[in-house]
Amino acid sequence: MAQLRIPVTLLDHVFGSEDAGVTIVEYGDYQCPHCAAAQGVVARILAQFGSSVRLVFRHFPLAEIHPLAITAAEAAEFAGSHGAFWPMHQSIFANQQRLSVSLLVALAAQLKLAPVALRDAIASHTFAPKVQADFLGGVRSGVNGTPTFFVNGIRHDSPYGYVDLPSAIGQAVMSTAA
């Protein structure tokens, strides 16, 4: 079983309580259709298990097959630098079929973020080091596709992928409660 090699730090985007007994780390790509489909499962897990779980999202853009994945990740990081990572994250996945730089700028504007500042950040690759660090951490942890989930540091390997993730989370919650 592959283990998470890079621990969760203050540089990560965390949704949920630091005191949660279960930490889910997701390596994802904003242009990956499987990642977009997994977002519904993740939302149900967060709703079902509440404060027992927390979610960490890390970028793993597969740029060879998803040419806008890095740009979308940089836009999410830009939003994160303004305290709006999770709303941008959700908006990008919700609009994945229409993904473009102009859409990312429009999403930023909807979140009351400066569109010109986002364009500048994308053009200068201001947030590329964070995206690259996430990617390299994923490689070190054995990530080879998206989405990849780690539950309390252990990669969730299953022939059913993210579909049976709620069951694995339930088992982890029960084991931490014992």
N, C-alpha and C. Protein backbone atom coordinates (compact mmCIF):
# COMPACT_ATOMS: atom_id res chain seq x y z
N MET A 1 0.84 -1.18 0.00
CA MET A 1 0.00 0.00 0.00
C MET A 1 0.88 1.25 0.00
N ALA A 2 0.56 2.15 -0.87
CA ALA A 2 1.32 3.40 -0.95
C ALA A 2 0.93 4.32 0.21
N GLN A 3 1.91 5.04 0.70
CA GLN A 3 1.68 5.97 1.78
C GLN A 3 1.94 7.40 1.33
N LEU A 4 1.25 8.31 1.96
CA LEU A 4 1.43 9.73 1.71
C LEU A 4 2.80 10.13 2.23
N ARG A 5 3.65 10.65 1.36
CA ARG A 5 5.02 11.00 1.75
C ARG A 5 5.16 12.43 2.24
N ILE A 6 4.22 13.28 1.86
CA ILE A 6 4.28 14.69 2.24
C ILE A 6 3.17 14.96 3.25
N PRO A 7 3.52 15.24 4.49
CA PRO A 7 2.47 15.47 5.49
C PRO A 7 1.68 16.75 5.21
N VAL A 8 0.49 16.81 5.76
CA VAL A 8 -0.36 17.99 5.63
C VAL A 8 0.30 19.13 6.41
N THR A 9 0.38 20.30 5.76
CA THR A 9 1.00 21.47 6.39
C THR A 9 0.08 22.68 6.26
N LEU A 10 0.53 23.79 6.78
CA LEU A 10 -0.22 25.04 6.67
C LEU A 10 -0.30 25.54 5.23
N LEU A 11 0.53 25.02 4.33
CA LEU A 11 0.49 25.42 2.93
C LEU A 11 -0.64 24.73 2.16
N ASP A 12 -1.21 23.70 2.76
CA ASP A 12 -2.28 22.95 2.11
C ASP A 12 -3.62 23.67 2.25
N HIS A 13 -4.53 23.34 1.35
CA HIS A 13 -5.91 23.83 1.43
C HIS A 13 -6.70 22.75 2.15
N VAL A 14 -7.19 23.10 3.33
CA VAL A 14 -7.87 22.14 4.20
C VAL A 14 -9.31 22.60 4.42
N PHE A 15 -10.23 21.68 4.19
CA PHE A 15 -11.64 21.94 4.47
C PHE A 15 -12.03 21.03 5.62
N GLY A 16 -12.36 21.61 6.75
CA GLY A 16 -12.74 20.84 7.92
C GLY A 16 -11.84 21.14 9.09
N SER A 17 -12.15 20.50 10.18
CA SER A 17 -11.47 20.75 11.45
C SER A 17 -10.10 20.09 11.52
N GLU A 18 -9.17 20.81 12.10
CA GLU A 18 -7.83 20.25 12.32
C GLU A 18 -7.91 19.06 13.28
N ASP A 19 -8.94 19.03 14.10
CA ASP A 19 -9.12 17.96 15.09
C ASP A 19 -9.83 16.73 14.53
N ALA A 20 -10.18 16.74 13.26
CA ALA A 20 -10.87 15.60 12.67
C ALA A 20 -10.02 14.34 12.81
N GLY A 21 -10.68 13.23 13.06
CA GLY A 21 -9.97 11.97 13.21
C GLY A 21 -9.50 11.38 11.90
N VAL A 22 -10.14 11.78 10.80
CA VAL A 22 -9.80 11.24 9.48
C VAL A 22 -9.45 12.39 8.55
N THR A 23 -8.31 12.26 7.91
CA THR A 23 -7.88 13.23 6.91
C THR A 23 -7.87 12.56 5.54
N ILE A 24 -8.59 13.15 4.62
CA ILE A 24 -8.61 12.68 3.23
C ILE A 24 -7.76 13.65 2.43
N VAL A 25 -6.75 13.15 1.75
CA VAL A 25 -5.96 13.97 0.85
C VAL A 25 -6.30 13.54 -0.56
N GLU A 26 -6.76 14.49 -1.34
CA GLU A 26 -7.11 14.22 -2.74
C GLU A 26 -6.09 14.89 -3.64
N TYR A 27 -5.51 14.12 -4.55
CA TYR A 27 -4.70 14.67 -5.63
C TYR A 27 -5.59 14.71 -6.86
N GLY A 28 -5.78 15.92 -7.40
CA GLY A 28 -6.72 16.06 -8.50
C GLY A 28 -6.26 16.99 -9.60
N ASP A 29 -6.98 16.94 -10.68
CA ASP A 29 -6.71 17.70 -11.90
C ASP A 29 -8.04 18.34 -12.31
N TYR A 30 -8.05 19.66 -12.45
CA TYR A 30 -9.29 20.37 -12.73
C TYR A 30 -9.89 20.07 -14.09
N GLN A 31 -9.15 19.45 -14.97
CA GLN A 31 -9.70 19.13 -16.29
C GLN A 31 -10.04 17.64 -16.42
N CYS A 32 -9.80 16.88 -15.37
CA CYS A 32 -10.06 15.43 -15.38
C CYS A 32 -11.54 15.16 -15.12
N PRO A 33 -12.23 14.49 -16.03
CA PRO A 33 -13.65 14.21 -15.83
C PRO A 33 -13.91 13.31 -14.62
N HIS A 34 -12.98 12.42 -14.30
CA HIS A 34 -13.14 11.55 -13.14
C HIS A 34 -13.05 12.36 -11.84
N CYS A 35 -12.18 13.37 -11.83
CA CYS A 35 -12.08 14.24 -10.66
C CYS A 35 -13.37 15.02 -10.48
N ALA A 36 -13.93 15.51 -11.57
CA ALA A 36 -15.19 16.25 -11.48
C ALA A 36 -16.30 15.34 -10.96
N ALA A 37 -16.35 14.10 -11.45
CA ALA A 37 -17.37 13.16 -10.99
C ALA A 37 -17.19 12.81 -9.52
N ALA A 38 -15.95 12.77 -9.05
CA ALA A 38 -15.67 12.43 -7.65
C ALA A 38 -16.11 13.53 -6.69
N GLN A 39 -16.29 14.75 -7.16
CA GLN A 39 -16.64 15.85 -6.27
C GLN A 39 -17.98 15.63 -5.58
N GLY A 40 -18.92 14.99 -6.24
CA GLY A 40 -20.19 14.68 -5.61
C GLY A 40 -20.02 13.67 -4.48
N VAL A 41 -19.17 12.69 -4.70
CA VAL A 41 -18.90 11.69 -3.66
C VAL A 41 -18.22 12.36 -2.48
N VAL A 42 -17.25 13.22 -2.75
CA VAL A 42 -16.54 13.93 -1.68
C VAL A 42 -17.50 14.80 -0.89
N ALA A 43 -18.40 15.49 -1.57
CA ALA A 43 -19.38 16.34 -0.88
C ALA A 43 -20.28 15.51 0.03
N ARG A 44 -20.69 14.35 -0.44
CA ARG A 44 -21.52 13.48 0.39
C ARG A 44 -20.76 12.98 1.61
N ILE A 45 -19.48 12.66 1.43
CA ILE A 45 -18.66 12.21 2.56
C ILE A 45 -18.55 13.32 3.60
N LEU A 46 -18.27 14.53 3.15
CA LEU A 46 -18.14 15.65 4.08
C LEU A 46 -19.46 15.90 4.82
N ALA A 47 -20.57 15.78 4.12
CA ALA A 47 -21.87 15.98 4.76
C ALA A 47 -22.19 14.84 5.73
N GLN A 48 -21.89 13.63 5.32
CA GLN A 48 -22.23 12.46 6.13
C GLN A 48 -21.40 12.38 7.41
N PHE A 49 -20.12 12.65 7.31
CA PHE A 49 -19.23 12.44 8.45
C PHE A 49 -18.90 13.72 9.21
N GLY A 50 -19.30 14.86 8.67
CA GLY A 50 -19.17 16.14 9.37
C GLY A 50 -17.79 16.40 9.93
N SER A 51 -17.73 16.73 11.22
CA SER A 51 -16.47 17.14 11.83
C SER A 51 -15.51 15.97 12.06
N SER A 52 -15.92 14.76 11.72
CA SER A 52 -15.03 13.60 11.86
C SER A 52 -13.98 13.53 10.76
N VAL A 53 -14.23 14.27 9.66
CA VAL A 53 -13.30 14.21 8.53
C VAL A 53 -12.90 15.62 8.10
N ARG A 54 -11.74 15.68 7.49
CA ARG A 54 -11.30 16.92 6.83
C ARG A 54 -10.73 16.53 5.48
N LEU A 55 -10.82 17.45 4.54
CA LEU A 55 -10.37 17.23 3.18
C LEU A 55 -9.21 18.16 2.86
N VAL A 56 -8.20 17.60 2.24
CA VAL A 56 -7.07 18.36 1.74
C VAL A 56 -7.03 18.14 0.23
N PHE A 57 -6.95 19.24 -0.53
CA PHE A 57 -6.85 19.10 -1.98
C PHE A 57 -5.45 19.52 -2.41
N ARG A 58 -4.82 18.68 -3.21
CA ARG A 58 -3.52 18.98 -3.79
C ARG A 58 -3.60 18.81 -5.31
N HIS A 59 -2.86 19.64 -5.99
CA HIS A 59 -2.89 19.66 -7.45
C HIS A 59 -2.03 18.54 -8.04
N PHE A 60 -2.58 17.88 -9.04
CA PHE A 60 -1.84 16.88 -9.81
C PHE A 60 -2.26 17.02 -11.27
N PRO A 61 -1.91 18.17 -11.88
CA PRO A 61 -2.35 18.42 -13.26
C PRO A 61 -1.63 17.52 -14.25
N LEU A 62 -2.41 16.82 -15.04
CA LEU A 62 -1.86 15.95 -16.09
C LEU A 62 -1.85 16.75 -17.39
N ALA A 63 -0.88 17.64 -17.48
CA ALA A 63 -0.85 18.65 -18.54
C ALA A 63 -0.74 18.06 -19.94
N GLU A 64 -0.19 16.87 -20.05
CA GLU A 64 -0.06 16.27 -21.39
C GLU A 64 -1.42 15.98 -22.00
N ILE A 65 -2.39 15.62 -21.18
CA ILE A 65 -3.72 15.31 -21.70
C ILE A 65 -4.77 16.36 -21.33
N HIS A 66 -4.44 17.22 -20.38
CA HIS A 66 -5.35 18.28 -19.95
C HIS A 66 -4.61 19.61 -19.99
N PRO A 67 -4.58 20.26 -21.15
CA PRO A 67 -3.73 21.45 -21.33
C PRO A 67 -4.10 22.65 -20.46
N LEU A 68 -5.30 22.71 -19.92
CA LEU A 68 -5.68 23.85 -19.06
C LEU A 68 -5.60 23.52 -17.56
N ALA A 69 -5.17 22.32 -17.24
CA ALA A 69 -5.15 21.90 -15.84
C ALA A 69 -4.20 22.74 -14.99
N ILE A 70 -3.04 23.05 -15.50
CA ILE A 70 -2.09 23.86 -14.73
C ILE A 70 -2.62 25.28 -14.56
N THR A 71 -3.16 25.85 -15.61
CA THR A 71 -3.73 27.20 -15.53
C THR A 71 -4.87 27.25 -14.52
N ALA A 72 -5.73 26.23 -14.53
CA ALA A 72 -6.83 26.19 -13.57
C ALA A 72 -6.30 26.05 -12.14
N ALA A 73 -5.27 25.24 -11.96
CA ALA A 73 -4.67 25.08 -10.63
C ALA A 73 -4.07 26.40 -10.15
N GLU A 74 -3.41 27.12 -11.05
CA GLU A 74 -2.84 28.42 -10.69
C GLU A 74 -3.95 29.42 -10.34
N ALA A 75 -5.07 29.35 -11.04
CA ALA A 75 -6.20 30.23 -10.73
C ALA A 75 -6.78 29.89 -9.35
N ALA A 76 -6.86 28.61 -9.04
CA ALA A 76 -7.34 28.20 -7.72
C ALA A 76 -6.39 28.70 -6.62
N GLU A 77 -5.09 28.62 -6.89
CA GLU A 77 -4.11 29.11 -5.92
C GLU A 77 -4.21 30.63 -5.77
N PHE A 78 -4.43 31.32 -6.87
CA PHE A 78 -4.65 32.77 -6.80
C PHE A 78 -5.84 33.06 -5.88
N ALA A 79 -6.93 32.36 -6.10
CA ALA A 79 -8.11 32.55 -5.24
C ALA A 79 -7.78 32.21 -3.80
N GLY A 80 -7.01 31.16 -3.60
CA GLY A 80 -6.61 30.77 -2.26
C GLY A 80 -5.80 31.84 -1.55
N SER A 81 -5.00 32.55 -2.31
CA SER A 81 -4.20 33.63 -1.70
C SER A 81 -5.08 34.78 -1.23
N HIS A 82 -6.34 34.76 -1.64
CA HIS A 82 -7.32 35.77 -1.23
C HIS A 82 -8.42 35.15 -0.36
N GLY A 83 -8.16 33.96 0.18
CA GLY A 83 -9.12 33.31 1.06
C GLY A 83 -10.32 32.70 0.38
N ALA A 84 -10.20 32.44 -0.92
CA ALA A 84 -11.36 31.92 -1.67
C ALA A 84 -11.02 30.64 -2.45
N PHE A 85 -10.12 29.82 -1.91
CA PHE A 85 -9.74 28.60 -2.63
C PHE A 85 -10.95 27.70 -2.86
N TRP A 86 -11.68 27.37 -1.79
CA TRP A 86 -12.76 26.39 -1.93
C TRP A 86 -13.88 26.86 -2.84
N PRO A 87 -14.32 28.11 -2.78
CA PRO A 87 -15.34 28.54 -3.75
C PRO A 87 -14.83 28.46 -5.20
N MET A 88 -13.57 28.82 -5.43
CA MET A 88 -13.01 28.73 -6.79
C MET A 88 -12.89 27.27 -7.21
N HIS A 89 -12.42 26.43 -6.32
CA HIS A 89 -12.29 25.00 -6.56
C HIS A 89 -13.63 24.42 -7.03
N GLN A 90 -14.69 24.72 -6.29
CA GLN A 90 -16.01 24.21 -6.64
C GLN A 90 -16.50 24.79 -7.96
N SER A 91 -16.24 26.06 -8.18
CA SER A 91 -16.68 26.71 -9.43
C SER A 91 -15.97 26.15 -10.65
N ILE A 92 -14.68 25.88 -10.50
CA ILE A 92 -13.93 25.31 -11.63
C ILE A 92 -14.51 23.94 -12.00
N PHE A 93 -14.71 23.08 -11.01
CA PHE A 93 -15.26 21.76 -11.32
C PHE A 93 -16.69 21.86 -11.86
N ALA A 94 -17.47 22.77 -11.33
CA ALA A 94 -18.86 22.93 -11.80
C ALA A 94 -18.92 23.40 -13.25
N ASN A 95 -17.86 24.06 -13.70
CA ASN A 95 -17.83 24.61 -15.07
C ASN A 95 -16.76 23.94 -15.93
N GLN A 96 -16.37 22.74 -15.56
CA GLN A 96 -15.26 22.06 -16.23
C GLN A 96 -15.45 21.94 -17.74
N GLN A 97 -16.65 21.71 -18.19
CA GLN A 97 -16.89 21.53 -19.63
C GLN A 97 -16.60 22.79 -20.44
N ARG A 98 -16.61 23.96 -19.77
CA ARG A 98 -16.38 25.23 -20.46
C ARG A 98 -15.05 25.85 -20.08
N LEU A 99 -14.14 25.07 -19.51
CA LEU A 99 -12.90 25.59 -18.96
C LEU A 99 -12.08 26.35 -20.01
N SER A 100 -11.72 27.58 -19.65
CA SER A 100 -10.87 28.44 -20.48
C SER A 100 -10.32 29.53 -19.57
N VAL A 101 -9.35 30.25 -20.05
CA VAL A 101 -8.80 31.35 -19.27
C VAL A 101 -9.87 32.40 -19.03
N SER A 102 -10.67 32.70 -20.04
CA SER A 102 -11.71 33.71 -19.86
C SER A 102 -12.75 33.25 -18.82
N LEU A 103 -13.06 31.96 -18.77
CA LEU A 103 -13.97 31.46 -17.74
C LEU A 103 -13.34 31.63 -16.36
N LEU A 104 -12.06 31.31 -16.21
CA LEU A 104 -11.39 31.45 -14.92
C LEU A 104 -11.42 32.90 -14.45
N VAL A 105 -11.21 33.82 -15.37
CA VAL A 105 -11.27 35.25 -15.04
C VAL A 105 -12.69 35.62 -14.61
N ALA A 106 -13.68 35.11 -15.31
CA ALA A 106 -15.07 35.40 -14.95
C ALA A 106 -15.42 34.82 -13.58
N LEU A 107 -14.94 33.61 -13.29
CA LEU A 107 -15.18 33.01 -11.98
C LEU A 107 -14.54 33.84 -10.88
N ALA A 108 -13.34 34.33 -11.14
CA ALA A 108 -12.66 35.18 -10.16
C ALA A 108 -13.48 36.44 -9.91
N ALA A 109 -13.99 37.04 -10.96
CA ALA A 109 -14.80 38.25 -10.82
C ALA A 109 -16.06 37.96 -10.00
N GLN A 110 -16.69 36.80 -10.23
CA GLN A 110 -17.87 36.42 -9.45
C GLN A 110 -17.55 36.30 -7.96
N LEU A 111 -16.31 35.93 -7.67
CA LEU A 111 -15.88 35.80 -6.28
C LEU A 111 -15.31 37.10 -5.72
N LYS A 112 -15.49 38.18 -6.48
CA LYS A 112 -15.02 39.51 -6.07
C LYS A 112 -13.50 39.59 -6.00
N LEU A 113 -12.84 38.81 -6.84
CA LEU A 113 -11.38 38.86 -6.96
C LEU A 113 -11.04 39.68 -8.19
N ALA A 114 -9.90 40.32 -8.17
CA ALA A 114 -9.50 41.21 -9.26
C ALA A 114 -9.13 40.42 -10.52
N PRO A 115 -9.93 40.53 -11.58
CA PRO A 115 -9.66 39.78 -12.81
C PRO A 115 -8.29 40.11 -13.42
N VAL A 116 -7.90 41.37 -13.39
CA VAL A 116 -6.60 41.76 -13.95
C VAL A 116 -5.47 41.12 -13.16
N ALA A 117 -5.61 41.09 -11.85
CA ALA A 117 -4.59 40.46 -11.01
C ALA A 117 -4.48 38.96 -11.30
N LEU A 118 -5.62 38.32 -11.55
CA LEU A 118 -5.58 36.90 -11.91
C LEU A 118 -4.88 36.71 -13.25
N ARG A 119 -5.23 37.52 -14.23
CA ARG A 119 -4.56 37.43 -15.55
C ARG A 119 -3.06 37.60 -15.41
N ASP A 120 -2.65 38.57 -14.59
CA ASP A 120 -1.22 38.81 -14.37
C ASP A 120 -0.56 37.61 -13.69
N ALA A 121 -1.23 37.05 -12.69
CA ALA A 121 -0.69 35.89 -11.97
C ALA A 121 -0.55 34.68 -12.89
N ILE A 122 -1.52 34.50 -13.77
CA ILE A 122 -1.45 33.39 -14.72
C ILE A 122 -0.31 33.63 -15.72
N ALA A 123 -0.22 34.85 -16.23
CA ALA A 123 0.81 35.17 -17.22
C ALA A 123 2.22 35.03 -16.65
N SER A 124 2.38 35.40 -15.39
CA SER A 124 3.72 35.33 -14.78
C SER A 124 3.96 34.03 -14.01
N HIS A 125 2.97 33.16 -14.00
CA HIS A 125 3.07 31.86 -13.30
C HIS A 125 3.44 32.04 -11.84
N THR A 126 2.82 33.02 -11.21
CA THR A 126 3.09 33.34 -9.80
C THR A 126 2.89 32.12 -8.90
N PHE A 127 1.89 31.32 -9.19
CA PHE A 127 1.55 30.21 -8.30
C PHE A 127 2.03 28.85 -8.83
N ALA A 128 2.82 28.87 -9.89
CA ALA A 128 3.35 27.63 -10.45
C ALA A 128 4.19 26.84 -9.45
N PRO A 129 5.01 27.48 -8.61
CA PRO A 129 5.80 26.68 -7.64
C PRO A 129 4.93 25.85 -6.69
N LYS A 130 3.81 26.38 -6.24
CA LYS A 130 2.91 25.62 -5.36
C LYS A 130 2.29 24.45 -6.11
N VAL A 131 1.85 24.69 -7.32
CA VAL A 131 1.24 23.63 -8.12
C VAL A 131 2.28 22.54 -8.38
N GLN A 132 3.50 22.94 -8.73
CA GLN A 132 4.58 21.98 -8.99
C GLN A 132 4.95 21.21 -7.73
N ALA A 133 4.98 21.87 -6.58
CA ALA A 133 5.30 21.19 -5.32
C ALA A 133 4.25 20.13 -5.00
N ASP A 134 2.97 20.47 -5.21
CA ASP A 134 1.91 19.48 -4.99
C ASP A 134 2.11 18.28 -5.92
N PHE A 135 2.38 18.57 -7.18
CA PHE A 135 2.56 17.50 -8.17
C PHE A 135 3.71 16.58 -7.77
N LEU A 136 4.85 17.17 -7.41
CA LEU A 136 6.02 16.37 -7.04
C LEU A 136 5.76 15.56 -5.77
N GLY A 137 5.02 16.15 -4.83
CA GLY A 137 4.64 15.40 -3.64
C GLY A 137 3.76 14.21 -3.98
N GLY A 138 2.89 14.39 -4.96
CA GLY A 138 2.07 13.27 -5.43
C GLY A 138 2.91 12.18 -6.05
N VAL A 139 3.86 12.56 -6.87
CA VAL A 139 4.76 11.58 -7.48
C VAL A 139 5.50 10.80 -6.39
N ARG A 140 6.02 11.51 -5.40
CA ARG A 140 6.73 10.86 -4.29
C ARG A 140 5.83 9.90 -3.52
N SER A 141 4.54 10.19 -3.51
CA SER A 141 3.58 9.35 -2.78
C SER A 141 2.97 8.25 -3.65
N GLY A 142 3.42 8.13 -4.88
CA GLY A 142 2.95 7.06 -5.74
C GLY A 142 1.70 7.38 -6.54
N VAL A 143 1.34 8.65 -6.63
CA VAL A 143 0.18 9.04 -7.43
C VAL A 143 0.55 8.88 -8.91
N ASN A 144 -0.30 8.21 -9.66
CA ASN A 144 -0.04 8.05 -11.08
C ASN A 144 -1.28 8.31 -11.93
N GLY A 145 -2.32 8.83 -11.31
CA GLY A 145 -3.54 9.17 -12.02
C GLY A 145 -4.44 9.98 -11.10
N THR A 146 -5.50 10.51 -11.68
CA THR A 146 -6.41 11.33 -10.88
C THR A 146 -7.84 10.85 -11.05
N PRO A 147 -8.65 10.98 -10.00
CA PRO A 147 -8.25 11.43 -8.67
C PRO A 147 -7.58 10.29 -7.90
N THR A 148 -6.68 10.65 -7.01
CA THR A 148 -6.09 9.69 -6.08
C THR A 148 -6.36 10.21 -4.68
N PHE A 149 -6.85 9.32 -3.82
CA PHE A 149 -7.19 9.68 -2.45
C PHE A 149 -6.31 8.92 -1.46
N PHE A 150 -5.93 9.62 -0.41
CA PHE A 150 -5.25 9.00 0.73
C PHE A 150 -6.16 9.20 1.93
N VAL A 151 -6.38 8.14 2.68
CA VAL A 151 -7.20 8.19 3.88
C VAL A 151 -6.27 7.93 5.06
N ASN A 152 -6.09 8.96 5.88
CA ASN A 152 -5.15 8.90 7.00
C ASN A 152 -3.78 8.39 6.55
N GLY A 153 -3.33 8.91 5.42
CA GLY A 153 -1.98 8.63 4.94
C GLY A 153 -1.81 7.40 4.10
N ILE A 154 -2.86 6.59 3.92
CA ILE A 154 -2.78 5.37 3.13
C ILE A 154 -3.58 5.56 1.85
N ARG A 155 -2.95 5.25 0.71
CA ARG A 155 -3.65 5.42 -0.57
C ARG A 155 -4.86 4.49 -0.63
N HIS A 156 -5.97 5.05 -1.06
CA HIS A 156 -7.22 4.31 -1.22
C HIS A 156 -7.16 3.62 -2.57
N ASP A 157 -6.78 2.35 -2.55
CA ASP A 157 -6.71 1.55 -3.78
C ASP A 157 -7.93 0.65 -3.83
N SER A 158 -8.68 0.77 -4.88
CA SER A 158 -9.89 -0.02 -5.02
C SER A 158 -10.24 -0.14 -6.48
N PRO A 159 -10.74 -1.31 -6.89
CA PRO A 159 -11.17 -1.44 -8.28
C PRO A 159 -12.36 -0.53 -8.59
N TYR A 160 -13.04 -0.05 -7.54
CA TYR A 160 -14.18 0.83 -7.75
C TYR A 160 -13.82 2.30 -7.55
N GLY A 161 -12.54 2.58 -7.29
CA GLY A 161 -12.08 3.96 -7.17
C GLY A 161 -12.82 4.75 -6.10
N TYR A 162 -13.21 5.96 -6.46
CA TYR A 162 -13.83 6.86 -5.50
C TYR A 162 -15.26 6.46 -5.15
N VAL A 163 -15.87 5.55 -5.90
CA VAL A 163 -17.26 5.16 -5.64
C VAL A 163 -17.39 4.49 -4.27
N ASP A 164 -16.39 3.69 -3.89
CA ASP A 164 -16.48 3.04 -2.57
C ASP A 164 -15.67 3.78 -1.51
N LEU A 165 -15.27 4.99 -1.80
CA LEU A 165 -14.55 5.81 -0.83
C LEU A 165 -15.36 6.03 0.46
N PRO A 166 -16.68 6.29 0.38
CA PRO A 166 -17.43 6.47 1.63
C PRO A 166 -17.32 5.30 2.61
N SER A 167 -17.27 4.09 2.07
CA SER A 167 -17.12 2.91 2.92
C SER A 167 -15.77 2.93 3.63
N ALA A 168 -14.72 3.26 2.90
CA ALA A 168 -13.38 3.33 3.49
C ALA A 168 -13.31 4.43 4.54
N ILE A 169 -13.96 5.54 4.28
CA ILE A 169 -13.98 6.65 5.25
C ILE A 169 -14.74 6.21 6.50
N GLY A 170 -15.88 5.55 6.32
CA GLY A 170 -16.66 5.07 7.45
C GLY A 170 -15.84 4.14 8.34
N GLN A 171 -15.07 3.25 7.72
CA GLN A 171 -14.21 2.34 8.50
C GLN A 171 -13.14 3.12 9.25
N ALA A 172 -12.57 4.13 8.60
CA ALA A 172 -11.53 4.94 9.25
C ALA A 172 -12.12 5.73 10.41
N VAL A 173 -13.31 6.27 10.23
CA VAL A 173 -13.96 7.04 11.31
C VAL A 173 -14.23 6.11 12.50
N MET A 174 -14.72 4.92 12.21
CA MET A 174 -15.01 3.97 13.30
C MET A 174 -13.74 3.57 14.03
N SER A 175 -12.64 3.37 13.30
CA SER A 175 -11.40 2.95 13.95
C SER A 175 -10.78 4.08 14.78
N THR A 176 -11.01 5.33 14.39
CA THR A 176 -10.47 6.43 15.20
C THR A 176 -11.34 6.73 16.40
N ALA A 177 -12.62 6.32 16.33
CA ALA A 177 -13.53 6.55 17.46
C ALA A 177 -13.33 5.51 18.55
N ALA A 178 -12.73 4.38 18.17
CA ALA A 178 -12.55 3.27 19.14
C ALA A 178 -11.43 3.55 20.13
